[in-house]
Amino acid sequence: MSFDQATDIVRESLLVMLMLSTPILLAGLVIGLFISILQAVTQIQEQTLSFVPKILGMGLVAVLLTPWVARMLLDFSARMFSGAG
């Protein structure tokens, strides 16, 4: 394996990881922003209020995206094991 091939594998691995984590992180970001705006409007300054909705929302997104994540991981694994980068 040459240095260029190893670099391509690492680059593709990081890209797949970024694509798989983005929807879940975006869900956490949107939910956290919504809760923060709600806290600012109602003047409720409880720091732990945003954790439960974020965890539930991110978990729901993860469950809903499981088939897509599995397909992406299987495709990536097949490309890595077949040697076709």
N, C-alpha and C. Protein backbone atom coordinates (compact mmCIF):
# COMPACT_ATOMS: atom_id res chain seq x y z
N MET A 1 0.85 -1.17 0.00
CA MET A 1 0.00 0.00 0.00
C MET A 1 0.89 1.23 0.00
N SER A 2 0.62 2.11 -0.92
CA SER A 2 1.42 3.33 -1.01
C SER A 2 0.88 4.39 -0.06
N PHE A 3 1.66 5.43 0.07
CA PHE A 3 1.27 6.54 0.94
C PHE A 3 0.00 7.21 0.41
N ASP A 4 -0.15 7.33 -0.89
CA ASP A 4 -1.34 7.94 -1.48
C ASP A 4 -2.59 7.11 -1.21
N GLN A 5 -2.46 5.79 -1.29
CA GLN A 5 -3.60 4.93 -1.00
C GLN A 5 -4.02 5.04 0.47
N ALA A 6 -3.03 5.06 1.35
CA ALA A 6 -3.33 5.19 2.77
C ALA A 6 -4.00 6.53 3.06
N THR A 7 -3.53 7.58 2.41
CA THR A 7 -4.13 8.90 2.59
C THR A 7 -5.56 8.92 2.10
N ASP A 8 -5.83 8.27 0.97
CA ASP A 8 -7.19 8.20 0.44
C ASP A 8 -8.11 7.43 1.38
N ILE A 9 -7.62 6.35 1.97
CA ILE A 9 -8.44 5.57 2.90
C ILE A 9 -8.77 6.40 4.14
N VAL A 10 -7.80 7.10 4.67
CA VAL A 10 -8.04 7.93 5.85
C VAL A 10 -9.01 9.05 5.51
N ARG A 11 -8.84 9.68 4.34
CA ARG A 11 -9.73 10.76 3.93
C ARG A 11 -11.16 10.26 3.77
N GLU A 12 -11.32 9.11 3.12
CA GLU A 12 -12.65 8.56 2.93
C GLU A 12 -13.28 8.13 4.26
N SER A 13 -12.47 7.59 5.16
CA SER A 13 -12.98 7.20 6.47
C SER A 13 -13.49 8.41 7.24
N LEU A 14 -12.73 9.49 7.21
CA LEU A 14 -13.16 10.71 7.90
C LEU A 14 -14.41 11.31 7.26
N LEU A 15 -14.51 11.24 5.95
CA LEU A 15 -15.68 11.76 5.25
C LEU A 15 -16.93 10.96 5.60
N VAL A 16 -16.81 9.63 5.64
CA VAL A 16 -17.95 8.78 6.01
C VAL A 16 -18.36 9.07 7.45
N MET A 17 -17.39 9.20 8.34
CA MET A 17 -17.69 9.50 9.74
C MET A 17 -18.40 10.84 9.87
N LEU A 18 -17.97 11.83 9.11
CA LEU A 18 -18.61 13.14 9.13
C LEU A 18 -20.04 13.07 8.60
N MET A 19 -20.24 12.33 7.53
CA MET A 19 -21.58 12.20 6.95
C MET A 19 -22.53 11.47 7.90
N LEU A 20 -22.03 10.49 8.64
CA LEU A 20 -22.88 9.73 9.55
C LEU A 20 -23.21 10.50 10.82
N SER A 21 -22.31 11.34 11.28
CA SER A 21 -22.56 12.05 12.54
C SER A 21 -23.28 13.38 12.35
N THR A 22 -23.26 13.93 11.16
CA THR A 22 -23.86 15.25 10.93
C THR A 22 -25.35 15.32 11.25
N PRO A 23 -26.20 14.40 10.79
CA PRO A 23 -27.63 14.56 11.10
C PRO A 23 -27.94 14.52 12.60
N ILE A 24 -27.25 13.67 13.33
CA ILE A 24 -27.49 13.56 14.77
C ILE A 24 -27.02 14.83 15.48
N LEU A 25 -25.86 15.33 15.09
CA LEU A 25 -25.37 16.56 15.70
C LEU A 25 -26.22 17.76 15.34
N LEU A 26 -26.72 17.81 14.12
CA LEU A 26 -27.61 18.91 13.72
C LEU A 26 -28.92 18.87 14.52
N ALA A 27 -29.42 17.68 14.78
CA ALA A 27 -30.63 17.57 15.60
C ALA A 27 -30.38 18.13 16.99
N GLY A 28 -29.24 17.80 17.58
CA GLY A 28 -28.89 18.33 18.90
C GLY A 28 -28.73 19.84 18.87
N LEU A 29 -28.15 20.35 17.79
CA LEU A 29 -27.96 21.79 17.66
C LEU A 29 -29.30 22.52 17.55
N VAL A 30 -30.19 22.02 16.71
CA VAL A 30 -31.49 22.67 16.51
C VAL A 30 -32.33 22.61 17.79
N ILE A 31 -32.35 21.46 18.44
CA ILE A 31 -33.12 21.32 19.67
C ILE A 31 -32.54 22.22 20.76
N GLY A 32 -31.21 22.26 20.88
CA GLY A 32 -30.58 23.12 21.87
C GLY A 32 -30.85 24.59 21.61
N LEU A 33 -30.83 25.00 20.35
CA LEU A 33 -31.14 26.39 20.00
C LEU A 33 -32.58 26.73 20.34
N PHE A 34 -33.50 25.82 20.02
CA PHE A 34 -34.91 26.04 20.34
C PHE A 34 -35.12 26.17 21.84
N ILE A 35 -34.52 25.29 22.62
CA ILE A 35 -34.66 25.34 24.08
C ILE A 35 -34.04 26.62 24.63
N SER A 36 -32.91 27.04 24.08
CA SER A 36 -32.27 28.28 24.54
C SER A 36 -33.14 29.49 24.27
N ILE A 37 -33.75 29.54 23.08
CA ILE A 37 -34.65 30.66 22.77
C ILE A 37 -35.85 30.62 23.70
N LEU A 38 -36.40 29.42 23.95
CA LEU A 38 -37.53 29.28 24.86
C LEU A 38 -37.15 29.75 26.27
N GLN A 39 -35.96 29.41 26.72
CA GLN A 39 -35.51 29.84 28.05
C GLN A 39 -35.33 31.36 28.10
N ALA A 40 -34.83 31.94 27.01
CA ALA A 40 -34.64 33.39 27.00
C ALA A 40 -35.97 34.12 27.01
N VAL A 41 -36.94 33.59 26.30
CA VAL A 41 -38.26 34.24 26.23
C VAL A 41 -38.98 34.13 27.57
N THR A 42 -38.91 32.96 28.20
CA THR A 42 -39.63 32.75 29.45
C THR A 42 -38.80 33.11 30.68
N GLN A 43 -37.58 33.46 30.49
CA GLN A 43 -36.64 33.81 31.56
C GLN A 43 -36.43 32.67 32.56
N ILE A 44 -36.53 31.45 32.08
CA ILE A 44 -36.20 30.27 32.90
C ILE A 44 -34.73 29.99 32.66
N GLN A 45 -33.92 30.07 33.69
CA GLN A 45 -32.47 29.92 33.53
C GLN A 45 -31.97 28.62 34.15
N GLU A 46 -32.64 27.54 33.90
CA GLU A 46 -32.23 26.24 34.39
C GLU A 46 -31.29 25.60 33.37
N GLN A 47 -30.07 25.32 33.77
CA GLN A 47 -29.05 24.82 32.86
C GLN A 47 -29.30 23.38 32.41
N THR A 48 -29.95 22.59 33.26
CA THR A 48 -30.15 21.18 32.93
C THR A 48 -31.42 20.94 32.11
N LEU A 49 -32.19 21.97 31.82
CA LEU A 49 -33.45 21.82 31.11
C LEU A 49 -33.27 21.31 29.69
N SER A 50 -32.17 21.64 29.05
CA SER A 50 -32.00 21.29 27.63
C SER A 50 -31.47 19.87 27.42
N PHE A 51 -30.99 19.20 28.45
CA PHE A 51 -30.37 17.89 28.26
C PHE A 51 -31.36 16.81 27.84
N VAL A 52 -32.48 16.69 28.50
CA VAL A 52 -33.43 15.62 28.21
C VAL A 52 -34.00 15.75 26.79
N PRO A 53 -34.49 16.94 26.37
CA PRO A 53 -34.98 17.03 24.99
C PRO A 53 -33.89 16.74 23.94
N LYS A 54 -32.67 17.18 24.21
CA LYS A 54 -31.58 16.91 23.26
C LYS A 54 -31.30 15.42 23.15
N ILE A 55 -31.23 14.75 24.29
CA ILE A 55 -30.95 13.32 24.28
C ILE A 55 -32.06 12.56 23.57
N LEU A 56 -33.32 12.90 23.87
CA LEU A 56 -34.44 12.23 23.23
C LEU A 56 -34.47 12.50 21.72
N GLY A 57 -34.24 13.74 21.33
CA GLY A 57 -34.25 14.09 19.91
C GLY A 57 -33.12 13.43 19.14
N MET A 58 -31.93 13.45 19.71
CA MET A 58 -30.79 12.83 19.05
C MET A 58 -30.97 11.31 18.97
N GLY A 59 -31.54 10.73 20.02
CA GLY A 59 -31.81 9.29 19.99
C GLY A 59 -32.85 8.93 18.93
N LEU A 60 -33.88 9.75 18.82
CA LEU A 60 -34.91 9.52 17.80
C LEU A 60 -34.33 9.62 16.39
N VAL A 61 -33.50 10.63 16.16
CA VAL A 61 -32.86 10.78 14.84
C VAL A 61 -31.96 9.58 14.56
N ALA A 62 -31.22 9.13 15.56
CA ALA A 62 -30.34 7.98 15.37
C ALA A 62 -31.13 6.72 15.02
N VAL A 63 -32.26 6.52 15.68
CA VAL A 63 -33.08 5.35 15.40
C VAL A 63 -33.69 5.45 14.00
N LEU A 64 -34.18 6.63 13.64
CA LEU A 64 -34.80 6.80 12.33
C LEU A 64 -33.80 6.65 11.19
N LEU A 65 -32.54 7.01 11.43
CA LEU A 65 -31.53 6.94 10.38
C LEU A 65 -30.73 5.64 10.39
N THR A 66 -31.09 4.69 11.22
CA THR A 66 -30.34 3.44 11.31
C THR A 66 -30.21 2.70 9.98
N PRO A 67 -31.27 2.59 9.16
CA PRO A 67 -31.08 1.90 7.87
C PRO A 67 -30.08 2.62 6.96
N TRP A 68 -30.14 3.93 6.93
CA TRP A 68 -29.21 4.71 6.10
C TRP A 68 -27.78 4.56 6.61
N VAL A 69 -27.60 4.62 7.91
CA VAL A 69 -26.27 4.47 8.50
C VAL A 69 -25.72 3.08 8.21
N ALA A 70 -26.55 2.06 8.36
CA ALA A 70 -26.10 0.69 8.09
C ALA A 70 -25.70 0.53 6.63
N ARG A 71 -26.49 1.09 5.71
CA ARG A 71 -26.16 0.99 4.29
C ARG A 71 -24.84 1.70 3.98
N MET A 72 -24.65 2.89 4.56
CA MET A 72 -23.40 3.62 4.33
C MET A 72 -22.19 2.84 4.86
N LEU A 73 -22.33 2.28 6.05
CA LEU A 73 -21.23 1.51 6.63
C LEU A 73 -20.94 0.23 5.85
N LEU A 74 -21.99 -0.43 5.39
CA LEU A 74 -21.79 -1.65 4.59
C LEU A 74 -21.12 -1.32 3.25
N ASP A 75 -21.55 -0.26 2.61
CA ASP A 75 -20.92 0.15 1.35
C ASP A 75 -19.45 0.51 1.56
N PHE A 76 -19.18 1.26 2.62
CA PHE A 76 -17.80 1.65 2.92
C PHE A 76 -16.95 0.42 3.23
N SER A 77 -17.49 -0.49 4.02
CA SER A 77 -16.75 -1.71 4.37
C SER A 77 -16.47 -2.55 3.13
N ALA A 78 -17.45 -2.66 2.25
CA ALA A 78 -17.26 -3.44 1.03
C ALA A 78 -16.17 -2.82 0.17
N ARG A 79 -16.16 -1.49 0.06
CA ARG A 79 -15.09 -0.82 -0.71
C ARG A 79 -13.72 -1.04 -0.09
N MET A 80 -13.65 -1.00 1.26
CA MET A 80 -12.35 -1.18 1.92
C MET A 80 -11.84 -2.60 1.76
N PHE A 81 -12.72 -3.59 1.91
CA PHE A 81 -12.29 -4.98 1.83
C PHE A 81 -12.04 -5.45 0.40
N SER A 82 -12.71 -4.81 -0.55
CA SER A 82 -12.48 -5.21 -1.96
C SER A 82 -11.24 -4.55 -2.54
N GLY A 83 -10.76 -3.51 -1.88
CA GLY A 83 -9.57 -2.84 -2.36
C GLY A 83 -9.85 -1.78 -3.41
N ALA A 84 -11.13 -1.58 -3.73
CA ALA A 84 -11.49 -0.54 -4.71
C ALA A 84 -11.74 0.75 -3.98
N GLY A 85 -10.80 1.67 -4.03
CA GLY A 85 -10.93 2.92 -3.32
C GLY A 85 -11.61 3.90 -4.14
